[in-house]
Protein backbone atom coordinates (compact mmCIF):
# COMPACT_ATOMS: atom_id res chain seq x y z
CA UNK A 1 -81.03 30.30 15.19
CA UNK A 2 -83.40 30.54 12.29
CA UNK A 3 -85.16 27.22 11.54
CA UNK A 4 -85.60 26.27 7.89
CA UNK A 5 -88.85 25.95 6.02
CA UNK A 6 -90.06 22.40 5.46
CA UNK A 7 -89.24 22.71 1.76
CA UNK A 8 -85.68 23.85 2.52
CA UNK A 9 -85.27 20.97 4.97
CA UNK A 10 -86.61 18.48 2.41
CA UNK A 11 -84.31 19.70 -0.37
CA UNK A 12 -81.29 19.70 1.95
CA UNK A 13 -81.96 16.13 3.02
CA UNK A 14 -82.57 15.00 -0.57
CA UNK A 15 -79.18 16.35 -1.63
CA UNK A 16 -77.43 14.67 1.32
CA UNK A 17 -79.25 11.41 0.59
CA UNK A 18 -77.46 11.01 -2.72
CA UNK A 19 -74.06 11.50 -1.07
CA UNK A 20 -74.62 8.85 1.62
CA UNK A 21 -72.22 6.23 0.26
CA UNK A 22 -72.04 3.57 2.95
CA UNK A 23 -74.96 4.80 5.02
CA UNK A 24 -75.90 7.79 7.13
CA UNK A 25 -72.66 7.81 9.12
CA UNK A 26 -70.72 8.69 5.99
CA UNK A 27 -72.55 12.03 5.61
CA UNK A 28 -72.28 13.19 9.23
CA UNK A 29 -69.50 15.71 8.47
CA UNK A 30 -71.47 17.23 5.60
CA UNK A 31 -74.67 17.14 7.64
CA UNK A 32 -72.86 18.94 10.47
CA UNK A 33 -71.41 21.50 8.07
CA UNK A 34 -74.81 22.14 6.55
CA UNK A 35 -76.84 22.29 9.78
CA UNK A 36 -74.32 23.91 12.13
CA UNK A 37 -71.71 25.84 10.16
CA UNK A 38 -73.51 27.07 7.03
CA UNK A 39 -77.09 27.61 8.17
CA UNK A 40 -76.66 27.92 11.96
CA UNK A 41 -79.82 25.91 12.56
CA UNK A 42 -78.32 24.47 15.78
CA UNK A 43 -75.08 24.46 17.75
CA UNK A 44 -72.33 21.86 17.47
CA UNK A 45 -73.10 20.52 20.94
CA UNK A 46 -76.80 20.13 20.08
CA UNK A 47 -75.81 18.26 16.93
CA UNK A 48 -73.46 15.98 18.90
CA UNK A 49 -76.17 15.29 21.48
CA UNK A 50 -78.69 14.34 18.79
CA UNK A 51 -76.09 12.08 17.17
CA UNK A 52 -75.41 10.39 20.51
CA UNK A 53 -79.13 9.79 21.07
CA UNK A 54 -79.52 8.37 17.56
CA UNK A 55 -76.47 6.14 17.95
CA UNK A 56 -77.69 4.57 21.17
CA UNK A 57 -81.24 4.10 19.96
CA UNK A 58 -82.27 0.91 18.21
CA UNK A 59 -82.79 1.27 14.51
CA UNK A 60 -80.91 2.63 11.54
CA UNK A 61 -78.17 5.27 11.77
CA UNK A 62 -80.28 7.59 9.65
CA UNK A 63 -82.28 8.31 12.81
CA UNK A 64 -79.96 11.28 13.44
CA UNK A 65 -81.51 13.07 10.46
CA UNK A 66 -85.00 12.39 11.82
CA UNK A 67 -83.98 13.85 15.19
CA UNK A 68 -82.50 16.92 13.51
CA UNK A 69 -85.74 17.43 11.58
CA UNK A 70 -87.71 17.07 14.80
CA UNK A 71 -85.46 19.55 16.61
CA UNK A 72 -85.84 22.09 13.80
CA UNK A 73 -89.54 21.78 12.94
CA UNK A 74 -91.28 19.31 15.26
CA UNK A 75 -93.08 16.24 13.94
CA UNK A 76 -93.54 17.63 10.42
CA UNK A 77 -89.79 18.32 10.31
CA UNK A 78 -89.01 14.78 11.42
CA UNK A 79 -91.22 13.34 8.70
CA UNK A 80 -89.87 15.64 5.97
CA UNK A 81 -86.23 15.03 6.96
CA UNK A 82 -86.73 11.26 7.03
CA UNK A 83 -88.45 11.21 3.64
CA UNK A 84 -85.77 13.49 2.20
CA UNK A 85 -82.84 11.41 3.44
CA UNK A 86 -84.38 8.01 2.61
CA UNK A 87 -86.33 8.70 -0.58
CA UNK A 88 -83.75 9.62 -3.23
CA UNK A 89 -81.12 7.09 -2.15
CA UNK A 90 -83.74 4.33 -1.93
CA UNK A 91 -84.98 5.06 -5.43
CA UNK A 92 -81.40 5.17 -6.73
CA UNK A 93 -80.55 1.87 -4.99
CA UNK A 94 -83.65 0.23 -6.41
CA UNK A 95 -82.83 1.38 -9.92
CA UNK A 96 -79.19 0.34 -9.68
CA UNK A 97 -80.02 -3.05 -8.19
CA UNK A 98 -81.90 -3.96 -11.33
CA UNK A 99 -78.76 -3.32 -13.40
CA UNK A 100 -76.19 -4.48 -10.81
CA UNK A 101 -77.09 -8.16 -10.98
CA UNK A 102 -76.69 -8.24 -14.75
CA UNK A 103 -73.00 -7.38 -14.37
CA UNK A 104 -72.13 -9.85 -11.61
CA UNK A 105 -68.88 -10.95 -13.29
CA UNK A 106 -67.89 -7.65 -14.83
CA UNK A 107 -64.48 -6.14 -13.97
CA UNK A 108 -66.25 -2.76 -13.66
CA UNK A 109 -68.37 -4.07 -10.81
CA UNK A 110 -65.29 -5.25 -8.92
CA UNK A 111 -63.55 -1.90 -9.54
CA UNK A 112 -66.56 0.02 -8.22
CA UNK A 113 -66.72 -2.11 -5.08
CA UNK A 114 -63.00 -1.73 -4.42
CA UNK A 115 -63.30 2.03 -4.84
CA UNK A 116 -66.32 2.46 -2.59
CA UNK A 117 -64.92 0.49 0.38
CA UNK A 118 -62.03 2.83 1.28
CA UNK A 119 -64.19 5.85 0.46
CA UNK A 120 -66.82 4.68 2.93
CA UNK A 121 -64.23 3.96 5.62
CA UNK A 122 -62.70 7.40 5.17
CA UNK A 123 -66.08 9.12 5.37
CA UNK A 124 -66.96 7.27 8.57
CA UNK A 125 -63.58 8.11 10.16
CA UNK A 126 -64.16 11.73 9.19
CA UNK A 127 -67.54 11.57 10.94
CA UNK A 128 -65.94 10.30 14.13
CA UNK A 129 -63.32 13.05 14.04
CA UNK A 130 -65.91 15.75 13.51
CA UNK A 131 -68.14 14.49 16.32
CA UNK A 132 -65.20 14.27 18.70
CA UNK A 133 -64.25 17.86 17.92
CA UNK A 134 -67.85 19.03 18.38
CA UNK A 135 -68.36 17.24 21.70
CA UNK A 136 -64.92 17.48 23.34
CA UNK A 137 -64.03 20.84 24.85
CA UNK A 138 -60.38 20.06 25.71
CA UNK A 139 -57.75 17.32 25.48
CA UNK A 140 -59.47 15.28 28.22
CA UNK A 141 -62.64 15.02 26.14
CA UNK A 142 -60.65 13.95 23.10
CA UNK A 143 -58.82 11.34 25.22
CA UNK A 144 -62.12 10.10 26.64
CA UNK A 145 -63.63 9.82 23.15
CA UNK A 146 -60.57 7.88 21.97
CA UNK A 147 -60.73 5.57 24.96
CA UNK A 148 -64.46 4.99 24.46
CA UNK A 149 -63.89 4.18 20.78
CA UNK A 150 -61.10 1.74 21.65
CA UNK A 151 -63.17 0.04 24.36
CA UNK A 152 -66.13 -0.29 22.03
CA UNK A 153 -63.99 -1.54 19.14
CA UNK A 154 -62.02 -4.10 21.14
CA UNK A 155 -64.68 -5.09 23.68
CA UNK A 156 -67.75 -5.21 21.46
CA UNK A 157 -69.89 -3.81 24.29
CA UNK A 158 -73.33 -2.42 23.77
CA UNK A 159 -72.82 1.29 22.97
CA UNK A 160 -75.06 2.24 25.91
CA UNK A 161 -72.50 0.79 28.34
CA UNK A 162 -69.68 2.69 26.68
CA UNK A 163 -71.72 5.90 26.62
CA UNK A 164 -72.73 5.44 30.26
CA UNK A 165 -69.13 4.75 31.29
CA UNK A 166 -67.97 7.83 29.42
CA UNK A 167 -70.64 9.92 31.16
CA UNK A 168 -69.54 8.68 34.58
CA UNK A 169 -65.86 9.35 33.81
CA UNK A 170 -66.76 12.80 32.46
CA UNK A 171 -68.78 13.67 35.55
CA UNK A 172 -66.14 12.40 37.96
CA UNK A 173 -63.39 14.14 35.99
CA UNK A 174 -65.29 17.44 35.89
CA UNK A 175 -65.56 17.85 32.14
């Protein structure tokens, strides 16, 4: 695995930042494709582990990008990745917010919102599918991931309990 330069990492994160419609979870498949499949900066299991750590940690979902930067280039990589993923989208959101309020009753605003909602849901479902495929080695892992998602969705448990329960089941089940 050949780690990227800090400039390459920054530019990669800047490009992903502008595609993050609905938050960091919506770009997980593209982030995975970029980091694991195209550039081979880390393995799929390393990516899934960093995602799991970020998901169970307090704070924003974008933490996964910070962890990837840290894994690839230490503290400077974490800083560069975080600035790259947060900077462009924050500037775009700030600029659009100044215009957005002026068109509060416009039919275009309603159309944009209605278009972005299913797009965001689809991107997040794609992220879940990709992470399940990266972490699960056989049908039992896929079943465990599905069960964990259902328990979390219906039970509204803290994700640490669901993750811990999944770890125990995985250890006892030998996978």
